[in-house]
Amino acid sequence: MQLNLTGHHVDITPALRDYVNTKLERLERHFDHVTNVHVILSVEKLRQKAEATIHVTGNNIFAEAEEHDMYAAIDKLIDKLDSQVRKHKEKVTDHRRNQGGLKDQPID
């Protein structure tokens, strides 16, 4: 997984980078076809915002979260991404296991 971390009006410290990396490992545990992740952390007055775009096989997943604390915004962002990745994984696996195709029909 390739991680691209960008900061708008905020310096990306090694602590923030490590925190984002450890949180994104949770996504890889659920779905290992994540190829590229672009995370943008931004600060506007008292609003801390985290947004991310994940490129998975066959789809792009986007989520954003706003909190008063940057670490809380990252946690909320990862929760949103995790639910979207699980939903995408269920969609992909359900399509492939469908038993309604013509090949599976009995021959009369």
PDB file of N, CA and C in Angstrom:
ATOM      1  N   MET A   1       0.843  -1.166   0.000  1.00  0.00           N
ATOM      2  CA  MET A   1       0.000   0.000   0.000  1.00  0.00           C
ATOM      3  C   MET A   1       0.897   1.241   0.000  1.00  0.00           C
ATOM      4  N   GLN A   2       0.618   2.123  -0.923  1.00  0.00           N
ATOM      5  CA  GLN A   2       1.368   3.365  -1.017  1.00  0.00           C
ATOM      6  C   GLN A   2       0.574   4.465  -0.322  1.00  0.00           C
ATOM      7  N   LEU A   3       1.231   5.170   0.611  1.00  0.00           N
ATOM      8  CA  LEU A   3       0.576   6.221   1.382  1.00  0.00           C
ATOM      9  C   LEU A   3       1.124   7.572   0.963  1.00  0.00           C
ATOM     10  N   ASN A   4       0.211   8.509   0.640  1.00  0.00           N
ATOM     11  CA  ASN A   4       0.571   9.878   0.315  1.00  0.00           C
ATOM     12  C   ASN A   4      -0.125  10.763   1.342  1.00  0.00           C
ATOM     13  N   LEU A   5       0.665  11.398   2.203  1.00  0.00           N
ATOM     14  CA  LEU A   5       0.127  12.203   3.294  1.00  0.00           C
ATOM     15  C   LEU A   5       0.450  13.673   3.044  1.00  0.00           C
ATOM     16  N   THR A   6      -0.589  14.518   3.012  1.00  0.00           N
ATOM     17  CA  THR A   6      -0.435  15.939   2.712  1.00  0.00           C
ATOM     18  C   THR A   6      -1.031  16.757   3.849  1.00  0.00           C
ATOM     19  N   GLY A   7      -0.406  17.881   4.157  1.00  0.00           N
ATOM     20  CA  GLY A   7      -0.925  18.773   5.190  1.00  0.00           C
ATOM     21  C   GLY A   7      -1.185  20.152   4.632  1.00  0.00           C
ATOM     22  N   HIS A   8      -2.360  20.687   4.879  1.00  0.00           N
ATOM     23  CA  HIS A   8      -2.712  22.055   4.509  1.00  0.00           C
ATOM     24  C   HIS A   8      -2.769  22.878   5.786  1.00  0.00           C
ATOM     25  N   HIS A   9      -1.880  23.848   5.900  1.00  0.00           N
ATOM     26  CA  HIS A   9      -1.788  24.714   7.067  1.00  0.00           C
ATOM     27  C   HIS A   9      -1.460  23.942   8.339  1.00  0.00           C
ATOM     28  N   VAL A  10      -0.831  22.787   8.186  1.00  0.00           N
ATOM     29  CA  VAL A  10      -0.403  21.992   9.334  1.00  0.00           C
ATOM     30  C   VAL A  10       0.871  21.248   8.929  1.00  0.00           C
ATOM     31  N   ASP A  11       1.807  21.172   9.863  1.00  0.00           N
ATOM     32  CA  ASP A  11       3.026  20.422   9.611  1.00  0.00           C
ATOM     33  C   ASP A  11       2.775  18.953   9.925  1.00  0.00           C
ATOM     34  N   ILE A  12       3.216  18.083   9.022  1.00  0.00           N
ATOM     35  CA  ILE A  12       3.072  16.647   9.231  1.00  0.00           C
ATOM     36  C   ILE A  12       4.268  16.182  10.069  1.00  0.00           C
ATOM     37  N   THR A  13       4.020  15.970  11.338  1.00  0.00           N
ATOM     38  CA  THR A  13       5.074  15.527  12.237  1.00  0.00           C
ATOM     39  C   THR A  13       5.232  14.011  12.124  1.00  0.00           C
ATOM     40  N   PRO A  14       6.369  13.484  12.536  1.00  0.00           N
ATOM     41  CA  PRO A  14       6.528  12.017  12.523  1.00  0.00           C
ATOM     42  C   PRO A  14       5.478  11.309  13.377  1.00  0.00           C
ATOM     43  N   ALA A  15       5.035  11.951  14.457  1.00  0.00           N
ATOM     44  CA  ALA A  15       3.995  11.347  15.301  1.00  0.00           C
ATOM     45  C   ALA A  15       2.672  11.221  14.540  1.00  0.00           C
ATOM     46  N   LEU A  16       2.288  12.274  13.794  1.00  0.00           N
ATOM     47  CA  LEU A  16       1.062  12.202  12.984  1.00  0.00           C
ATOM     48  C   LEU A  16       1.188  11.144  11.896  1.00  0.00           C
ATOM     49  N   ARG A  17       2.347  11.096  11.238  1.00  0.00           N
ATOM     50  CA  ARG A  17       2.567  10.113  10.173  1.00  0.00           C
ATOM     51  C   ARG A  17       2.479   8.687  10.714  1.00  0.00           C
ATOM     52  N   ASP A  18       3.080   8.437  11.870  1.00  0.00           N
ATOM     53  CA  ASP A  18       3.016   7.105  12.475  1.00  0.00           C
ATOM     54  C   ASP A  18       1.596   6.755  12.898  1.00  0.00           C
ATOM     55  N   TYR A  19       0.867   7.737  13.421  1.00  0.00           N
ATOM     56  CA  TYR A  19      -0.513   7.502  13.855  1.00  0.00           C
ATOM     57  C   TYR A  19      -1.396   7.117  12.668  1.00  0.00           C
ATOM     58  N   VAL A  20      -1.244   7.833  11.550  1.00  0.00           N
ATOM     59  CA  VAL A  20      -2.035   7.520  10.354  1.00  0.00           C
ATOM     60  C   VAL A  20      -1.650   6.127   9.824  1.00  0.00           C
ATOM     61  N   ASN A  21      -0.358   5.810   9.829  1.00  0.00           N
ATOM     62  CA  ASN A  21       0.084   4.493   9.352  1.00  0.00           C
ATOM     63  C   ASN A  21      -0.498   3.363  10.185  1.00  0.00           C
ATOM     64  N   THR A  22      -0.474   3.510  11.505  1.00  0.00           N
ATOM     65  CA  THR A  22      -0.996   2.437  12.352  1.00  0.00           C
ATOM     66  C   THR A  22      -2.505   2.286  12.193  1.00  0.00           C
ATOM     67  N   LYS A  23      -3.196   3.389  12.010  1.00  0.00           N
ATOM     68  CA  LYS A  23      -4.643   3.309  11.825  1.00  0.00           C
ATOM     69  C   LYS A  23      -5.003   2.695  10.463  1.00  0.00           C
ATOM     70  N   LEU A  24      -4.216   2.986   9.439  1.00  0.00           N
ATOM     71  CA  LEU A  24      -4.505   2.436   8.109  1.00  0.00           C
ATOM     72  C   LEU A  24      -4.201   0.946   8.022  1.00  0.00           C
ATOM     73  N   GLU A  25      -3.389   0.431   8.929  1.00  0.00           N
ATOM     74  CA  GLU A  25      -3.139  -1.010   8.946  1.00  0.00           C
ATOM     75  C   GLU A  25      -4.418  -1.784   9.234  1.00  0.00           C
ATOM     76  N   ARG A  26      -5.337  -1.166   9.955  1.00  0.00           N
ATOM     77  CA  ARG A  26      -6.623  -1.805  10.243  1.00  0.00           C
ATOM     78  C   ARG A  26      -7.408  -2.056   8.952  1.00  0.00           C
ATOM     79  N   LEU A  27      -7.299  -1.114   7.999  1.00  0.00           N
ATOM     80  CA  LEU A  27      -7.991  -1.299   6.723  1.00  0.00           C
ATOM     81  C   LEU A  27      -7.380  -2.456   5.943  1.00  0.00           C
ATOM     82  N   GLU A  28      -6.069  -2.586   6.005  1.00  0.00           N
ATOM     83  CA  GLU A  28      -5.409  -3.669   5.282  1.00  0.00           C
ATOM     84  C   GLU A  28      -5.759  -5.033   5.862  1.00  0.00           C
ATOM     85  N   ARG A  29      -6.054  -5.086   7.136  1.00  0.00           N
ATOM     86  CA  ARG A  29      -6.467  -6.363   7.729  1.00  0.00           C
ATOM     87  C   ARG A  29      -7.801  -6.831   7.163  1.00  0.00           C
ATOM     88  N   HIS A  30      -8.704  -5.899   6.879  1.00  0.00           N
ATOM     89  CA  HIS A  30     -10.023  -6.269   6.375  1.00  0.00           C
ATOM     90  C   HIS A  30     -10.032  -6.512   4.873  1.00  0.00           C
ATOM     91  N   PHE A  31      -9.204  -5.766   4.144  1.00  0.00           N
ATOM     92  CA  PHE A  31      -9.239  -5.859   2.683  1.00  0.00           C
ATOM     93  C   PHE A  31      -7.835  -5.597   2.174  1.00  0.00           C
ATOM     94  N   ASP A  32      -7.195  -6.615   1.625  1.00  0.00           N
ATOM     95  CA  ASP A  32      -5.787  -6.489   1.267  1.00  0.00           C
ATOM     96  C   ASP A  32      -5.553  -5.976  -0.151  1.00  0.00           C
ATOM     97  N   HIS A  33      -6.593  -5.582  -0.882  1.00  0.00           N
ATOM     98  CA  HIS A  33      -6.431  -5.076  -2.244  1.00  0.00           C
ATOM     99  C   HIS A  33      -6.396  -3.550  -2.293  1.00  0.00           C
ATOM    100  N   VAL A  34      -5.973  -2.906  -1.211  1.00  0.00           N
ATOM    101  CA  VAL A  34      -5.813  -1.453  -1.180  1.00  0.00           C
ATOM    102  C   VAL A  34      -4.469  -1.134  -1.825  1.00  0.00           C
ATOM    103  N   THR A  35      -4.492  -0.353  -2.912  1.00  0.00           N
ATOM    104  CA  THR A  35      -3.256  -0.075  -3.638  1.00  0.00           C
ATOM    105  C   THR A  35      -2.658   1.279  -3.294  1.00  0.00           C
ATOM    106  N   ASN A  36      -3.490   2.304  -3.137  1.00  0.00           N
ATOM    107  CA  ASN A  36      -2.992   3.657  -2.955  1.00  0.00           C
ATOM    108  C   ASN A  36      -3.921   4.405  -2.003  1.00  0.00           C
ATOM    109  N   VAL A  37      -3.327   5.172  -1.077  1.00  0.00           N
ATOM    110  CA  VAL A  37      -4.105   5.969  -0.128  1.00  0.00           C
ATOM    111  C   VAL A  37      -3.566   7.389  -0.152  1.00  0.00           C
ATOM    112  N   HIS A  38      -4.470   8.360  -0.307  1.00  0.00           N
ATOM    113  CA  HIS A  38      -4.093   9.770  -0.269  1.00  0.00           C
ATOM    114  C   HIS A  38      -4.846  10.414   0.888  1.00  0.00           C
ATOM    115  N   VAL A  39      -4.098  10.863   1.893  1.00  0.00           N
ATOM    116  CA  VAL A  39      -4.689  11.460   3.089  1.00  0.00           C
ATOM    117  C   VAL A  39      -4.308  12.930   3.127  1.00  0.00           C
ATOM    118  N   ILE A  40      -5.314  13.791   3.362  1.00  0.00           N
ATOM    119  CA  ILE A  40      -5.084  15.230   3.482  1.00  0.00           C
ATOM    120  C   ILE A  40      -5.537  15.658   4.868  1.00  0.00           C
ATOM    121  N   LEU A  41      -4.614  16.246   5.626  1.00  0.00           N
ATOM    122  CA  LEU A  41      -4.924  16.789   6.943  1.00  0.00           C
ATOM    123  C   LEU A  41      -4.884  18.308   6.840  1.00  0.00           C
ATOM    124  N   SER A  42      -5.930  18.974   7.297  1.00  0.00           N
ATOM    125  CA  SER A  42      -5.971  20.434   7.171  1.00  0.00           C
ATOM    126  C   SER A  42      -6.520  21.064   8.446  1.00  0.00           C
ATOM    127  N   VAL A  43      -6.124  22.314   8.656  1.00  0.00           N
ATOM    128  CA  VAL A  43      -6.564  23.079   9.813  1.00  0.00           C
ATOM    129  C   VAL A  43      -7.089  24.413   9.320  1.00  0.00           C
ATOM    130  N   GLU A  44      -8.318  24.770   9.730  1.00  0.00           N
ATOM    131  CA  GLU A  44      -8.910  26.070   9.430  1.00  0.00           C
ATOM    132  C   GLU A  44      -9.508  26.604  10.722  1.00  0.00           C
ATOM    133  N   LYS A  45      -8.851  27.591  11.285  1.00  0.00           N
ATOM    134  CA  LYS A  45      -9.226  28.180  12.576  1.00  0.00           C
ATOM    135  C   LYS A  45      -9.301  27.080  13.638  1.00  0.00           C
ATOM    136  N   LEU A  46     -10.459  26.774  14.159  1.00  0.00           N
ATOM    137  CA  LEU A  46     -10.585  25.748  15.200  1.00  0.00           C
ATOM    138  C   LEU A  46     -11.036  24.403  14.656  1.00  0.00           C
ATOM    139  N   ARG A  47     -11.110  24.270  13.347  1.00  0.00           N
ATOM    140  CA  ARG A  47     -11.634  23.060  12.724  1.00  0.00           C
ATOM    141  C   ARG A  47     -10.482  22.217  12.205  1.00  0.00           C
ATOM    142  N   GLN A  48     -10.365  20.999  12.705  1.00  0.00           N
ATOM    143  CA  GLN A  48      -9.365  20.048  12.243  1.00  0.00           C
ATOM    144  C   GLN A  48     -10.069  19.082  11.284  1.00  0.00           C
ATOM    145  N   LYS A  49      -9.545  18.933  10.097  1.00  0.00           N
ATOM    146  CA  LYS A  49     -10.217  18.135   9.080  1.00  0.00           C
ATOM    147  C   LYS A  49      -9.255  17.089   8.535  1.00  0.00           C
ATOM    148  N   ALA A  50      -9.758  15.879   8.379  1.00  0.00           N
ATOM    149  CA  ALA A  50      -8.997  14.794   7.770  1.00  0.00           C
ATOM    150  C   ALA A  50      -9.848  14.201   6.660  1.00  0.00           C
ATOM    151  N   GLU A  51      -9.257  14.043   5.484  1.00  0.00           N
ATOM    152  CA  GLU A  51      -9.971  13.414   4.369  1.00  0.00           C
ATOM    153  C   GLU A  51      -9.031  12.460   3.663  1.00  0.00           C
ATOM    154  N   ALA A  52      -9.608  11.431   3.065  1.00  0.00           N
ATOM    155  CA  ALA A  52      -8.785  10.413   2.427  1.00  0.00           C
ATOM    156  C   ALA A  52      -9.498   9.843   1.216  1.00  0.00           C
ATOM    157  N   THR A  53      -8.699   9.477   0.227  1.00  0.00           N
ATOM    158  CA  THR A  53      -9.174   8.755  -0.947  1.00  0.00           C
ATOM    159  C   THR A  53      -8.385   7.451  -1.026  1.00  0.00           C
ATOM    160  N   ILE A  54      -9.103   6.351  -1.101  1.00  0.00           N
ATOM    161  CA  ILE A  54      -8.470   5.042  -1.174  1.00  0.00           C
ATOM    162  C   ILE A  54      -8.767   4.446  -2.537  1.00  0.00           C
ATOM    163  N   HIS A  55      -7.731   3.981  -3.205  1.00  0.00           N
ATOM    164  CA  HIS A  55      -7.886   3.293  -4.481  1.00  0.00           C
ATOM    165  C   HIS A  55      -7.825   1.791  -4.217  1.00  0.00           C
ATOM    166  N   VAL A  56      -8.945   1.124  -4.443  1.00  0.00           N
ATOM    167  CA  VAL A  56      -9.006  -0.332  -4.328  1.00  0.00           C
ATOM    168  C   VAL A  56      -9.299  -0.885  -5.703  1.00  0.00           C
ATOM    169  N   THR A  57      -9.171  -2.173  -5.851  1.00  0.00           N
ATOM    170  CA  THR A  57      -9.411  -2.775  -7.157  1.00  0.00           C
ATOM    171  C   THR A  57     -10.856  -2.537  -7.566  1.00  0.00           C
ATOM    172  N   GLY A  58     -11.020  -1.787  -8.638  1.00  0.00           N
ATOM    173  CA  GLY A  58     -12.341  -1.555  -9.193  1.00  0.00           C
ATOM    174  C   GLY A  58     -13.100  -0.375  -8.628  1.00  0.00           C
ATOM    175  N   ASN A  59     -12.518   0.384  -7.708  1.00  0.00           N
ATOM    176  CA  ASN A  59     -13.292   1.462  -7.112  1.00  0.00           C
ATOM    177  C   ASN A  59     -12.380   2.455  -6.396  1.00  0.00           C
ATOM    178  N   ASN A  60     -12.892   3.660  -6.163  1.00  0.00           N
ATOM    179  CA  ASN A  60     -12.248   4.660  -5.320  1.00  0.00           C
ATOM    180  C   ASN A  60     -13.189   4.949  -4.163  1.00  0.00           C
ATOM    181  N   ILE A  61     -12.648   5.019  -2.962  1.00  0.00           N
ATOM    182  CA  ILE A  61     -13.448   5.259  -1.768  1.00  0.00           C
ATOM    183  C   ILE A  61     -12.968   6.561  -1.146  1.00  0.00           C
ATOM    184  N   PHE A  62     -13.920   7.473  -0.851  1.00  0.00           N
ATOM    185  CA  PHE A  62     -13.585   8.774  -0.283  1.00  0.00           C
ATOM    186  C   PHE A  62     -14.351   8.965   1.020  1.00  0.00           C
ATOM    187  N   ALA A  63     -13.675   9.560   1.999  1.00  0.00           N
ATOM    188  CA  ALA A  63     -14.332   9.904   3.262  1.00  0.00           C
ATOM    189  C   ALA A  63     -13.639  11.128   3.853  1.00  0.00           C
ATOM    190  N   GLU A  64     -14.393  11.864   4.671  1.00  0.00           N
ATOM    191  CA  GLU A  64     -13.821  13.015   5.365  1.00  0.00           C
ATOM    192  C   GLU A  64     -14.441  13.118   6.746  1.00  0.00           C
ATOM    193  N   ALA A  65     -13.678  13.726   7.672  1.00  0.00           N
ATOM    194  CA  ALA A  65     -14.150  13.880   9.041  1.00  0.00           C
ATOM    195  C   ALA A  65     -13.608  15.181   9.616  1.00  0.00           C
ATOM    196  N   GLU A  66     -14.411  15.828  10.455  1.00  0.00           N
ATOM    197  CA  GLU A  66     -14.018  17.079  11.108  1.00  0.00           C
ATOM    198  C   GLU A  66     -14.222  16.932  12.610  1.00  0.00           C
ATOM    199  N   GLU A  67     -13.230  17.365  13.369  1.00  0.00           N
ATOM    200  CA  GLU A  67     -13.300  17.353  14.829  1.00  0.00           C
ATOM    201  C   GLU A  67     -12.505  18.535  15.364  1.00  0.00           C
ATOM    202  N   HIS A  68     -12.517  18.699  16.676  1.00  0.00           N
ATOM    203  CA  HIS A  68     -11.728  19.759  17.307  1.00  0.00           C
ATOM    204  C   HIS A  68     -10.288  19.319  17.534  1.00  0.00           C
ATOM    205  N   ASP A  69     -10.043  18.011  17.511  1.00  0.00           N
ATOM    206  CA  ASP A  69      -8.716  17.451  17.705  1.00  0.00           C
ATOM    207  C   ASP A  69      -8.331  16.661  16.455  1.00  0.00           C
ATOM    208  N   MET A  70      -7.089  16.795  15.992  1.00  0.00           N
ATOM    209  CA  MET A  70      -6.660  16.127  14.757  1.00  0.00           C
ATOM    210  C   MET A  70      -6.686  14.607  14.919  1.00  0.00           C
ATOM    211  N   TYR A  71      -6.280  14.105  16.078  1.00  0.00           N
ATOM    212  CA  TYR A  71      -6.273  12.660  16.292  1.00  0.00           C
ATOM    213  C   TYR A  71      -7.692  12.103  16.310  1.00  0.00           C
ATOM    214  N   ALA A  72      -8.631  12.844  16.859  1.00  0.00           N
ATOM    215  CA  ALA A  72     -10.037  12.418  16.848  1.00  0.00           C
ATOM    216  C   ALA A  72     -10.586  12.429  15.426  1.00  0.00           C
ATOM    217  N   ALA A  73     -10.184  13.424  14.626  1.00  0.00           N
ATOM    218  CA  ALA A  73     -10.625  13.476  13.227  1.00  0.00           C
ATOM    219  C   ALA A  73     -10.079  12.284  12.449  1.00  0.00           C
ATOM    220  N   ILE A  74      -8.842  11.899  12.716  1.00  0.00           N
ATOM    221  CA  ILE A  74      -8.252  10.733  12.037  1.00  0.00           C
ATOM    222  C   ILE A  74      -8.980   9.463  12.452  1.00  0.00           C
ATOM    223  N   ASP A  75      -9.297   9.327  13.742  1.00  0.00           N
ATOM    224  CA  ASP A  75     -10.041   8.155  14.213  1.00  0.00           C
ATOM    225  C   ASP A  75     -11.404   8.050  13.536  1.00  0.00           C
ATOM    226  N   LYS A  76     -12.108   9.161  13.456  1.00  0.00           N
ATOM    227  CA  LYS A  76     -13.432   9.181  12.821  1.00  0.00           C
ATOM    228  C   LYS A  76     -13.323   8.860  11.335  1.00  0.00           C
ATOM    229  N   LEU A  77     -12.282   9.377  10.686  1.00  0.00           N
ATOM    230  CA  LEU A  77     -12.053   9.108   9.271  1.00  0.00           C
ATOM    231  C   LEU A  77     -11.805   7.624   9.036  1.00  0.00           C
ATOM    232  N   ILE A  78     -10.987   7.011   9.853  1.00  0.00           N
ATOM    233  CA  ILE A  78     -10.677   5.594   9.691  1.00  0.00           C
ATOM    234  C   ILE A  78     -11.914   4.742   9.927  1.00  0.00           C
ATOM    235  N   ASP A  79     -12.761   5.123  10.877  1.00  0.00           N
ATOM    236  CA  ASP A  79     -14.011   4.387  11.111  1.00  0.00           C
ATOM    237  C   ASP A  79     -14.904   4.433   9.873  1.00  0.00           C
ATOM    238  N   LYS A  80     -15.018   5.604   9.258  1.00  0.00           N
ATOM    239  CA  LYS A  80     -15.834   5.738   8.052  1.00  0.00           C
ATOM    240  C   LYS A  80     -15.253   4.916   6.908  1.00  0.00           C
ATOM    241  N   LEU A  81     -13.937   5.003   6.721  1.00  0.00           N
ATOM    242  CA  LEU A  81     -13.297   4.245   5.651  1.00  0.00           C
ATOM    243  C   LEU A  81     -13.434   2.750   5.882  1.00  0.00           C
ATOM    244  N   ASP A  82     -13.320   2.317   7.127  1.00  0.00           N
ATOM    245  CA  ASP A  82     -13.419   0.905   7.448  1.00  0.00           C
ATOM    246  C   ASP A  82     -14.783   0.348   7.069  1.00  0.00           C
ATOM    247  N   SER A  83     -15.842   1.088   7.387  1.00  0.00           N
ATOM    248  CA  SER A  83     -17.188   0.608   7.037  1.00  0.00           C
ATOM    249  C   SER A  83     -17.378   0.587   5.518  1.00  0.00           C
ATOM    250  N   GLN A  84     -16.837   1.583   4.814  1.00  0.00           N
ATOM    251  CA  GLN A  84     -16.977   1.594   3.362  1.00  0.00           C
ATOM    252  C   GLN A  84     -16.171   0.472   2.714  1.00  0.00           C
ATOM    253  N   VAL A  85     -14.996   0.177   3.245  1.00  0.00           N
ATOM    254  CA  VAL A  85     -14.170  -0.904   2.695  1.00  0.00           C
ATOM    255  C   VAL A  85     -14.841  -2.246   2.937  1.00  0.00           C
ATOM    256  N   ARG A  86     -15.407  -2.452   4.134  1.00  0.00           N
ATOM    257  CA  ARG A  86     -16.116  -3.710   4.394  1.00  0.00           C
ATOM    258  C   ARG A  86     -17.316  -3.864   3.464  1.00  0.00           C
ATOM    259  N   LYS A  87     -18.044  -2.781   3.209  1.00  0.00           N
ATOM    260  CA  LYS A  87     -19.191  -2.826   2.301  1.00  0.00           C
ATOM    261  C   LYS A  87     -18.738  -3.168   0.878  1.00  0.00           C
ATOM    262  N   HIS A  88     -17.626  -2.563   0.443  1.00  0.00           N
ATOM    263  CA  HIS A  88     -17.082  -2.853  -0.886  1.00  0.00           C
ATOM    264  C   HIS A  88     -16.649  -4.313  -0.983  1.00  0.00           C
ATOM    265  N   LYS A  89     -16.023  -4.823   0.059  1.00  0.00           N
ATOM    266  CA  LYS A  89     -15.570  -6.216   0.054  1.00  0.00           C
ATOM    267  C   LYS A  89     -16.755  -7.172  -0.027  1.00  0.00           C
ATOM    268  N   GLU A  90     -17.822  -6.876   0.710  1.00  0.00           N
ATOM    269  CA  GLU A  90     -19.012  -7.721   0.662  1.00  0.00           C
ATOM    270  C   GLU A  90     -19.634  -7.703  -0.731  1.00  0.00           C
ATOM    271  N   LYS A  91     -19.653  -6.546  -1.371  1.00  0.00           N
ATOM    272  CA  LYS A  91     -20.193  -6.447  -2.723  1.00  0.00           C
ATOM    273  C   LYS A  91     -19.404  -7.305  -3.700  1.00  0.00           C
ATOM    274  N   VAL A  92     -18.086  -7.212  -3.615  1.00  0.00           N
ATOM    275  CA  VAL A  92     -17.216  -7.957  -4.528  1.00  0.00           C
ATOM    276  C   VAL A  92     -17.374  -9.454  -4.313  1.00  0.00           C
ATOM    277  N   THR A  93     -17.402  -9.912  -3.069  1.00  0.00           N
ATOM    278  CA  THR A  93     -17.505 -11.344  -2.815  1.00  0.00           C
ATOM    279  C   THR A  93     -18.899 -11.871  -3.128  1.00  0.00           C
ATOM    280  N   ASP A  94     -19.947 -11.092  -2.902  1.00  0.00           N
ATOM    281  CA  ASP A  94     -21.298 -11.545  -3.207  1.00  0.00           C
ATOM    282  C   ASP A  94     -21.509 -11.706  -4.710  1.00  0.00           C
ATOM    283  N   HIS A  95     -20.910 -10.836  -5.527  1.00  0.00           N
ATOM    284  CA  HIS A  95     -21.070 -10.949  -6.972  1.00  0.00           C
ATOM    285  C   HIS A  95     -20.450 -12.231  -7.499  1.00  0.00           C
ATOM    286  N   ARG A  96     -19.337 -12.611  -6.969  1.00  0.00           N
ATOM    287  CA  ARG A  96     -18.630 -13.775  -7.486  1.00  0.00           C
ATOM    288  C   ARG A  96     -19.246 -15.085  -7.042  1.00  0.00           C
ATOM    289  N   ARG A  97     -19.985 -15.081  -5.963  1.00  0.00           N
ATOM    290  CA  ARG A  97     -20.555 -16.316  -5.432  1.00  0.00           C
ATOM    291  C   ARG A  97     -22.025 -16.480  -5.805  1.00  0.00           C
ATOM    292  N   ASN A  98     -22.477 -15.697  -6.741  1.00  0.00           N
ATOM    293  CA  ASN A  98     -23.867 -15.773  -7.156  1.00  0.00           C
ATOM    294  C   ASN A  98     -24.100 -17.085  -7.895  1.00  0.00           C
ATOM    295  N   GLN A  99     -25.141 -17.801  -7.535  1.00  0.00           N
ATOM    296  CA  GLN A  99     -25.431 -19.100  -8.138  1.00  0.00           C
ATOM    297  C   GLN A  99     -26.534 -19.012  -9.196  1.00  0.00           C
ATOM    298  N   GLY A 100     -26.818 -17.828  -9.700  1.00  0.00           N
ATOM    299  CA  GLY A 100     -27.921 -17.658 -10.626  1.00  0.00           C
ATOM    300  C   GLY A 100     -27.512 -17.627 -12.088  1.00  0.00           C
ATOM    301  N   GLY A 101     -26.286 -17.966 -12.431  1.00  0.00           N
ATOM    302  CA  GLY A 101     -25.825 -17.905 -13.805  1.00  0.00           C
ATOM    303  C   GLY A 101     -26.316 -19.069 -14.647  1.00  0.00           C
ATOM    304  N   LEU A 102     -26.175 -18.937 -15.956  1.00  0.00           N
ATOM    305  CA  LEU A 102     -26.615 -19.993 -16.859  1.00  0.00           C
ATOM    306  C   LEU A 102     -25.769 -21.251 -16.727  1.00  0.00           C
ATOM    307  N   LYS A 103     -24.524 -21.127 -16.352  1.00  0.00           N
ATOM    308  CA  LYS A 103     -23.664 -22.294 -16.217  1.00  0.00           C
ATOM    309  C   LYS A 103     -24.114 -23.202 -15.078  1.00  0.00           C
ATOM    310  N   ASP A 104     -24.749 -22.636 -14.090  1.00  0.00           N
ATOM    311  CA  ASP A 104     -25.152 -23.399 -12.910  1.00  0.00           C
ATOM    312  C   ASP A 104     -26.553 -24.004 -13.026  1.00  0.00           C
ATOM    313  N   GLN A 105     -27.251 -23.741 -14.117  1.00  0.00           N
ATOM    314  CA  GLN A 105     -28.603 -24.257 -14.295  1.00  0.00           C
ATOM    315  C   GLN A 105     -28.548 -25.723 -14.721  1.00  0.00           C
ATOM    316  N   PRO A 106     -29.481 -26.540 -14.213  1.00  0.00           N
ATOM    317  CA  PRO A 106     -29.496 -27.955 -14.617  1.00  0.00           C
ATOM    318  C   PRO A 106     -29.930 -28.112 -16.080  1.00  0.00           C
ATOM    319  N   ILE A 107     -29.387 -29.097 -16.727  1.00  0.00           N
ATOM    320  CA  ILE A 107     -29.728 -29.365 -18.134  1.00  0.00           C
ATOM    321  C   ILE A 107     -30.900 -30.342 -18.160  1.00  0.00           C
ATOM    322  N   ASP A 108     -31.952 -30.008 -18.917  1.00  0.00           N
ATOM    323  CA  ASP A 108     -33.156 -30.859 -18.986  1.00  0.00           C
ATOM    324  C   ASP A 108     -33.077 -31.796 -20.172  1.00  0.00           C
TER     325      ASP A 108
END
